Amino acid sequence: MSLVPSLARRLLKEQVVAAGTALAYWAWQNREEVVDWTAYGVRAVQNVIAGNTDDVIVEGRLRFALLGDHRTRRAVGLEVRVRDGVAILTGLIDPGIREVALRIAERTDGITKIDDRLEVLEPRPE
């Protein structure tokens, strides 16, 4: 038995463990976003099975547009859904996020109307 294959196997096992640990750490650090995207994925599959692909595509566009803007990328509390072309924005968010999220939704192809259910956090008095 050669030393090279056994060394390569040992190094590969160590790398897989390290990669798994790094992935678990990343998932924990981004758990809210992971849960949100997972919920979207489940809804998307359900809608596709039901034959409603339009809302899935439009919600995906809106989510990626929000992800593309640094102000809304990790906006805590911002939740998005699309039903029959209507973007439903909900959540308790920071003051600067609301207008940006609404503008992005308005510019997103396929959005016919915006149902703004966003609530803005009031700044705490010093």
Protein backbone atom coordinates (compact mmCIF):
# COMPACT_ATOMS: atom_id res chain seq x y z
CA MET A 1 0.00 0.00 0.00
CA SER A 2 1.37 3.34 -1.04
CA LEU A 3 1.79 6.25 1.35
CA VAL A 4 0.36 8.78 -1.15
CA PRO A 5 -3.19 7.37 -1.40
CA SER A 6 -3.51 6.96 2.37
CA LEU A 7 -2.17 10.48 2.96
CA ALA A 8 -4.55 11.85 0.33
CA ARG A 9 -7.50 10.03 1.97
CA ARG A 10 -6.58 11.38 5.39
CA LEU A 11 -6.21 14.95 4.09
CA LEU A 12 -9.51 14.67 2.20
CA LYS A 13 -11.31 13.50 5.34
CA GLU A 14 -9.87 16.44 7.30
CA GLN A 15 -10.95 18.88 4.59
CA VAL A 16 -14.49 17.47 4.44
CA VAL A 17 -14.83 17.83 8.22
CA ALA A 18 -13.49 21.40 8.06
CA ALA A 19 -15.81 22.27 5.17
CA GLY A 20 -18.80 20.79 7.00
CA THR A 21 -17.93 22.75 10.12
CA ALA A 22 -17.54 25.97 8.12
CA LEU A 23 -20.87 25.37 6.38
CA ALA A 24 -22.62 24.73 9.71
CA TYR A 25 -21.09 27.92 11.15
CA TRP A 26 -22.17 29.96 8.10
CA ALA A 27 -25.70 28.51 8.28
CA TRP A 28 -25.94 29.38 11.97
CA GLN A 29 -24.70 32.93 11.40
CA ASN A 30 -27.23 33.39 8.57
CA ARG A 31 -30.05 31.28 10.01
CA GLU A 32 -32.80 33.86 9.54
CA GLU A 33 -31.93 34.25 5.87
CA VAL A 34 -31.58 30.49 5.42
CA VAL A 35 -35.02 29.92 6.97
CA ASP A 36 -36.55 32.69 4.84
CA TRP A 37 -35.12 31.29 1.58
CA THR A 38 -36.13 27.76 2.60
CA ALA A 39 -39.70 28.91 3.20
CA TYR A 40 -39.67 30.58 -0.23
CA GLY A 41 -38.40 27.35 -1.76
CA VAL A 42 -41.20 25.34 -0.18
CA ARG A 43 -43.84 27.87 -1.33
CA ALA A 44 -42.28 27.91 -4.79
CA VAL A 45 -42.50 24.13 -5.14
CA GLN A 46 -46.11 24.17 -3.96
CA ASN A 47 -47.00 26.92 -6.45
CA VAL A 48 -45.21 25.22 -9.33
CA ILE A 49 -47.04 21.96 -8.60
CA ALA A 50 -50.31 23.93 -8.57
CA GLY A 51 -49.37 25.47 -11.94
CA ASN A 52 -48.77 29.01 -10.64
CA THR A 53 -45.29 29.72 -11.93
CA ASP A 54 -45.77 33.46 -12.51
CA ASP A 55 -45.77 34.41 -8.83
CA VAL A 56 -42.77 32.17 -8.17
CA ILE A 57 -40.77 33.89 -10.90
CA VAL A 58 -41.82 37.41 -9.87
CA GLU A 59 -41.11 36.76 -6.18
CA GLY A 60 -37.71 35.38 -7.13
CA ARG A 61 -36.97 38.55 -9.13
CA LEU A 62 -38.03 40.74 -6.21
CA ARG A 63 -36.00 38.74 -3.69
CA PHE A 64 -32.88 38.92 -5.87
CA ALA A 65 -33.40 42.65 -6.44
CA LEU A 66 -33.63 43.20 -2.67
CA LEU A 67 -30.58 40.99 -2.19
CA GLY A 68 -28.69 43.09 -4.73
CA ASP A 69 -29.05 46.34 -2.76
CA HIS A 70 -26.72 46.66 0.23
CA ARG A 71 -29.41 48.49 2.23
CA THR A 72 -31.98 45.71 1.92
CA ARG A 73 -29.65 42.69 1.63
CA ARG A 74 -29.80 41.75 5.30
CA ALA A 75 -32.67 43.95 6.38
CA VAL A 76 -33.86 42.46 9.63
CA GLY A 77 -37.62 42.00 9.71
CA LEU A 78 -38.30 42.51 5.99
CA GLU A 79 -40.55 39.78 4.63
CA VAL A 80 -41.64 39.43 1.01
CA ARG A 81 -44.34 37.46 -0.77
CA VAL A 82 -46.01 37.78 -4.16
CA ARG A 83 -49.60 36.72 -4.84
CA ASP A 84 -51.27 37.31 -8.18
CA GLY A 85 -48.61 39.88 -9.07
CA VAL A 86 -49.08 41.82 -5.82
CA ALA A 87 -45.92 42.27 -3.76
CA ILE A 88 -46.76 41.94 -0.09
CA LEU A 89 -44.09 43.58 2.06
CA THR A 90 -44.40 42.96 5.79
CA GLY A 91 -42.30 43.29 8.89
CA LEU A 92 -40.93 45.67 11.47
CA ILE A 93 -37.94 47.39 9.86
CA ASP A 94 -35.47 50.24 10.29
CA PRO A 95 -36.63 53.65 8.98
CA GLY A 96 -34.22 53.86 6.02
CA ILE A 97 -35.21 50.48 4.62
CA ARG A 98 -38.90 51.12 3.90
CA GLU A 99 -38.57 53.56 1.02
CA VAL A 100 -35.76 51.59 -0.57
CA ALA A 101 -37.73 48.33 -0.42
CA LEU A 102 -40.82 50.01 -1.89
CA ARG A 103 -38.80 51.54 -4.77
CA ILE A 104 -37.19 48.20 -5.56
CA ALA A 105 -40.59 46.50 -5.56
CA GLU A 106 -42.01 49.19 -7.88
CA ARG A 107 -39.16 48.63 -10.36
CA THR A 108 -39.43 44.84 -10.32
CA ASP A 109 -40.81 43.41 -13.54
CA GLY A 110 -44.09 41.54 -12.98
CA ILE A 111 -45.20 43.45 -9.87
CA THR A 112 -48.61 44.97 -10.59
CA LYS A 113 -49.33 46.41 -7.15
CA ILE A 114 -47.63 46.77 -3.76
CA ASP A 115 -49.36 45.90 -0.51
CA ASP A 116 -47.26 47.87 1.99
CA ARG A 117 -47.70 46.34 5.42
CA LEU A 118 -44.30 47.50 6.66
CA GLU A 119 -44.00 49.00 10.11
CA VAL A 120 -41.07 51.29 10.87
CA LEU A 121 -39.13 51.03 14.12
CA GLU A 122 -39.11 54.30 15.98
CA PRO A 123 -35.62 55.40 17.06
CA ARG A 124 -35.03 55.11 20.78
CA PRO A 125 -34.61 58.39 22.62
CA GLU A 126 -31.09 58.92 23.91
